[in-house]
């Protein structure tokens, strides 16, 4: 069992090639005993973005605040607070903050890939 304020969990820079102005909090992971899913909170500064990439596992995303663009298979899709996004495995994708404030989104992935 875990109950903790998300802001008390360490925020780490995303240090991957192609990432800019992106930070992550590992809210729930294997370290907490979660065997099936990992929950992460991403924070992208204005103008920030994740790398353009693809991998075998899916993403399930919920936009908490701000606005952004999902680049998916070469096309751009606008979203903002309250949107849900599903990115299937093996599909090229990237998240970009095109707003004036921080873009925050929850992202769930299979724990097996962490």
C-alpha atoms as a PDB file:
ATOM      1  CA  UNK A   1       0.000   0.000   0.000  1.00  0.00           C
ATOM      2  CA  UNK A   2       1.162   3.519  -0.742  1.00  0.00           C
ATOM      3  CA  UNK A   3      -0.400   6.881  -0.047  1.00  0.00           C
ATOM      4  CA  UNK A   4       1.724   9.941  -0.693  1.00  0.00           C
ATOM      5  CA  UNK A   5       1.352  13.448  -2.054  1.00  0.00           C
ATOM      6  CA  UNK A   6       2.682  13.437  -5.631  1.00  0.00           C
ATOM      7  CA  UNK A   7       4.639  16.663  -5.100  1.00  0.00           C
ATOM      8  CA  UNK A   8       6.671  14.873  -2.394  1.00  0.00           C
ATOM      9  CA  UNK A   9       7.973  12.353  -4.946  1.00  0.00           C
ATOM     10  CA  UNK A  10      11.280  13.265  -6.563  1.00  0.00           C
ATOM     11  CA  UNK A  11      11.057  14.962  -9.948  1.00  0.00           C
ATOM     12  CA  UNK A  12      13.870  13.892 -12.267  1.00  0.00           C
ATOM     13  CA  UNK A  13      14.989  15.273 -15.618  1.00  0.00           C
ATOM     14  CA  UNK A  14      14.329  13.073 -18.642  1.00  0.00           C
ATOM     15  CA  UNK A  15      17.824  12.603 -20.027  1.00  0.00           C
ATOM     16  CA  UNK A  16      17.151  10.926 -23.359  1.00  0.00           C
ATOM     17  CA  UNK A  17      18.365  12.120 -26.738  1.00  0.00           C
ATOM     18  CA  UNK A  18      15.641  14.306 -28.214  1.00  0.00           C
ATOM     19  CA  UNK A  19      14.043  15.319 -24.884  1.00  0.00           C
ATOM     20  CA  UNK A  20      13.890  18.996 -23.945  1.00  0.00           C
ATOM     21  CA  UNK A  21      12.423  20.640 -20.833  1.00  0.00           C
ATOM     22  CA  UNK A  22      10.901  17.333 -19.661  1.00  0.00           C
ATOM     23  CA  UNK A  23      10.769  15.989 -16.108  1.00  0.00           C
ATOM     24  CA  UNK A  24       9.260  12.813 -14.646  1.00  0.00           C
ATOM     25  CA  UNK A  25       7.956  11.606 -11.290  1.00  0.00           C
ATOM     26  CA  UNK A  26       7.643   7.830 -10.848  1.00  0.00           C
ATOM     27  CA  UNK A  27       4.403   7.892  -8.841  1.00  0.00           C
ATOM     28  CA  UNK A  28       3.868   4.127  -8.615  1.00  0.00           C
ATOM     29  CA  UNK A  29       6.349   1.502  -9.737  1.00  0.00           C
ATOM     30  CA  UNK A  30       7.808  -1.917  -8.962  1.00  0.00           C
ATOM     31  CA  UNK A  31       9.607  -0.295  -6.021  1.00  0.00           C
ATOM     32  CA  UNK A  32       6.147   0.194  -4.474  1.00  0.00           C
ATOM     33  CA  UNK A  33       5.155  -3.422  -5.133  1.00  0.00           C
ATOM     34  CA  UNK A  34       3.196  -2.676  -8.327  1.00  0.00           C
ATOM     35  CA  UNK A  35       3.659  -5.748 -10.503  1.00  0.00           C
ATOM     36  CA  UNK A  36       1.381  -4.866 -13.426  1.00  0.00           C
ATOM     37  CA  UNK A  37       1.520  -1.121 -14.127  1.00  0.00           C
ATOM     38  CA  UNK A  38       3.773   1.881 -13.571  1.00  0.00           C
ATOM     39  CA  UNK A  39       2.264   5.353 -13.169  1.00  0.00           C
ATOM     40  CA  UNK A  40       4.367   8.361 -14.108  1.00  0.00           C
ATOM     41  CA  UNK A  41       3.719  12.106 -14.092  1.00  0.00           C
ATOM     42  CA  UNK A  42       5.453  14.031 -16.844  1.00  0.00           C
ATOM     43  CA  UNK A  43       5.956  17.799 -16.671  1.00  0.00           C
ATOM     44  CA  UNK A  44       6.960  19.609 -19.848  1.00  0.00           C
ATOM     45  CA  UNK A  45       8.058  23.232 -19.712  1.00  0.00           C
ATOM     46  CA  UNK A  46       6.699  25.595 -22.379  1.00  0.00           C
ATOM     47  CA  UNK A  47       8.455  24.597 -25.610  1.00  0.00           C
ATOM     48  CA  UNK A  48       9.498  21.274 -24.057  1.00  0.00           C
ATOM     49  CA  UNK A  49       9.001  17.845 -25.603  1.00  0.00           C
ATOM     50  CA  UNK A  50       9.642  14.152 -25.170  1.00  0.00           C
ATOM     51  CA  UNK A  51      11.815  12.356 -27.734  1.00  0.00           C
ATOM     52  CA  UNK A  52      10.220  11.205 -30.975  1.00  0.00           C
ATOM     53  CA  UNK A  53      10.350   7.435 -30.449  1.00  0.00           C
ATOM     54  CA  UNK A  54       8.558   4.102 -30.505  1.00  0.00           C
ATOM     55  CA  UNK A  55       8.664   0.887 -28.475  1.00  0.00           C
ATOM     56  CA  UNK A  56       6.690  -2.330 -28.064  1.00  0.00           C
ATOM     57  CA  UNK A  57       4.567  -1.256 -25.076  1.00  0.00           C
ATOM     58  CA  UNK A  58       1.486   0.970 -25.087  1.00  0.00           C
ATOM     59  CA  UNK A  59       0.913   4.244 -23.226  1.00  0.00           C
ATOM     60  CA  UNK A  60      -2.278   5.298 -21.476  1.00  0.00           C
ATOM     61  CA  UNK A  61      -2.223   9.044 -20.824  1.00  0.00           C
ATOM     62  CA  UNK A  62      -4.408  11.566 -18.991  1.00  0.00           C
ATOM     63  CA  UNK A  63      -3.694  15.303 -19.406  1.00  0.00           C
ATOM     64  CA  UNK A  64      -3.817  16.941 -15.970  1.00  0.00           C
ATOM     65  CA  UNK A  65      -3.032  20.552 -16.910  1.00  0.00           C
ATOM     66  CA  UNK A  66      -1.761  22.680 -19.771  1.00  0.00           C
ATOM     67  CA  UNK A  67      -2.001  22.058 -23.477  1.00  0.00           C
ATOM     68  CA  UNK A  68       0.040  20.109 -25.944  1.00  0.00           C
ATOM     69  CA  UNK A  69       0.463  18.294 -29.188  1.00  0.00           C
ATOM     70  CA  UNK A  70       0.739  14.541 -29.650  1.00  0.00           C
ATOM     71  CA  UNK A  71       2.831  13.713 -32.693  1.00  0.00           C
ATOM     72  CA  UNK A  72       1.579  10.278 -33.750  1.00  0.00           C
ATOM     73  CA  UNK A  73       2.834   8.513 -36.866  1.00  0.00           C
ATOM     74  CA  UNK A  74       3.803  11.867 -38.415  1.00  0.00           C
ATOM     75  CA  UNK A  75       0.530  13.713 -37.689  1.00  0.00           C
ATOM     76  CA  UNK A  76      -0.079  16.329 -34.982  1.00  0.00           C
ATOM     77  CA  UNK A  77      -3.061  16.128 -32.630  1.00  0.00           C
ATOM     78  CA  UNK A  78      -3.904  19.017 -30.274  1.00  0.00           C
ATOM     79  CA  UNK A  79      -5.003  18.219 -26.694  1.00  0.00           C
ATOM     80  CA  UNK A  80      -5.425  19.938 -23.360  1.00  0.00           C
ATOM     81  CA  UNK A  81      -6.481  19.346 -19.749  1.00  0.00           C
ATOM     82  CA  UNK A  82      -8.941  16.481 -19.367  1.00  0.00           C
ATOM     83  CA  UNK A  83      -8.023  14.602 -22.562  1.00  0.00           C
ATOM     84  CA  UNK A  84      -7.237  10.891 -22.542  1.00  0.00           C
ATOM     85  CA  UNK A  85      -4.749   9.489 -25.035  1.00  0.00           C
ATOM     86  CA  UNK A  86      -3.969   5.907 -25.976  1.00  0.00           C
ATOM     87  CA  UNK A  87      -0.756   5.218 -27.884  1.00  0.00           C
ATOM     88  CA  UNK A  88      -0.488   1.591 -29.096  1.00  0.00           C
ATOM     89  CA  UNK A  89       2.861  -0.190 -29.079  1.00  0.00           C
ATOM     90  CA  UNK A  90       5.233   0.077 -32.037  1.00  0.00           C
ATOM     91  CA  UNK A  91       3.830   3.484 -33.105  1.00  0.00           C
ATOM     92  CA  UNK A  92       6.088   6.525 -33.393  1.00  0.00           C
ATOM     93  CA  UNK A  93       5.019   9.282 -30.978  1.00  0.00           C
ATOM     94  CA  UNK A  94       6.094  12.428 -29.171  1.00  0.00           C
ATOM     95  CA  UNK A  95       4.486  14.821 -26.694  1.00  0.00           C
ATOM     96  CA  UNK A  96       5.089  18.572 -27.063  1.00  0.00           C
ATOM     97  CA  UNK A  97       4.096  21.532 -24.914  1.00  0.00           C
ATOM     98  CA  UNK A  98       2.835  24.269 -27.220  1.00  0.00           C
ATOM     99  CA  UNK A  99       1.300  26.358 -24.416  1.00  0.00           C
ATOM    100  CA  UNK A 100       2.459  29.136 -22.102  1.00  0.00           C
ATOM    101  CA  UNK A 101       2.382  27.049 -18.906  1.00  0.00           C
ATOM    102  CA  UNK A 102       3.619  23.644 -17.750  1.00  0.00           C
ATOM    103  CA  UNK A 103       2.000  20.631 -19.434  1.00  0.00           C
ATOM    104  CA  UNK A 104       1.390  17.816 -16.932  1.00  0.00           C
ATOM    105  CA  UNK A 105       0.165  14.376 -17.860  1.00  0.00           C
ATOM    106  CA  UNK A 106      -0.124  10.996 -16.216  1.00  0.00           C
ATOM    107  CA  UNK A 107       1.276   8.114 -18.231  1.00  0.00           C
ATOM    108  CA  UNK A 108       0.706   4.446 -17.396  1.00  0.00           C
ATOM    109  CA  UNK A 109       2.844   1.678 -18.847  1.00  0.00           C
ATOM    110  CA  UNK A 110       3.289  -2.040 -18.136  1.00  0.00           C
ATOM    111  CA  UNK A 111       5.559  -2.557 -15.117  1.00  0.00           C
ATOM    112  CA  UNK A 112       7.379  -5.279 -17.036  1.00  0.00           C
ATOM    113  CA  UNK A 113       9.100  -2.692 -19.261  1.00  0.00           C
ATOM    114  CA  UNK A 114      10.511  -0.615 -16.429  1.00  0.00           C
END
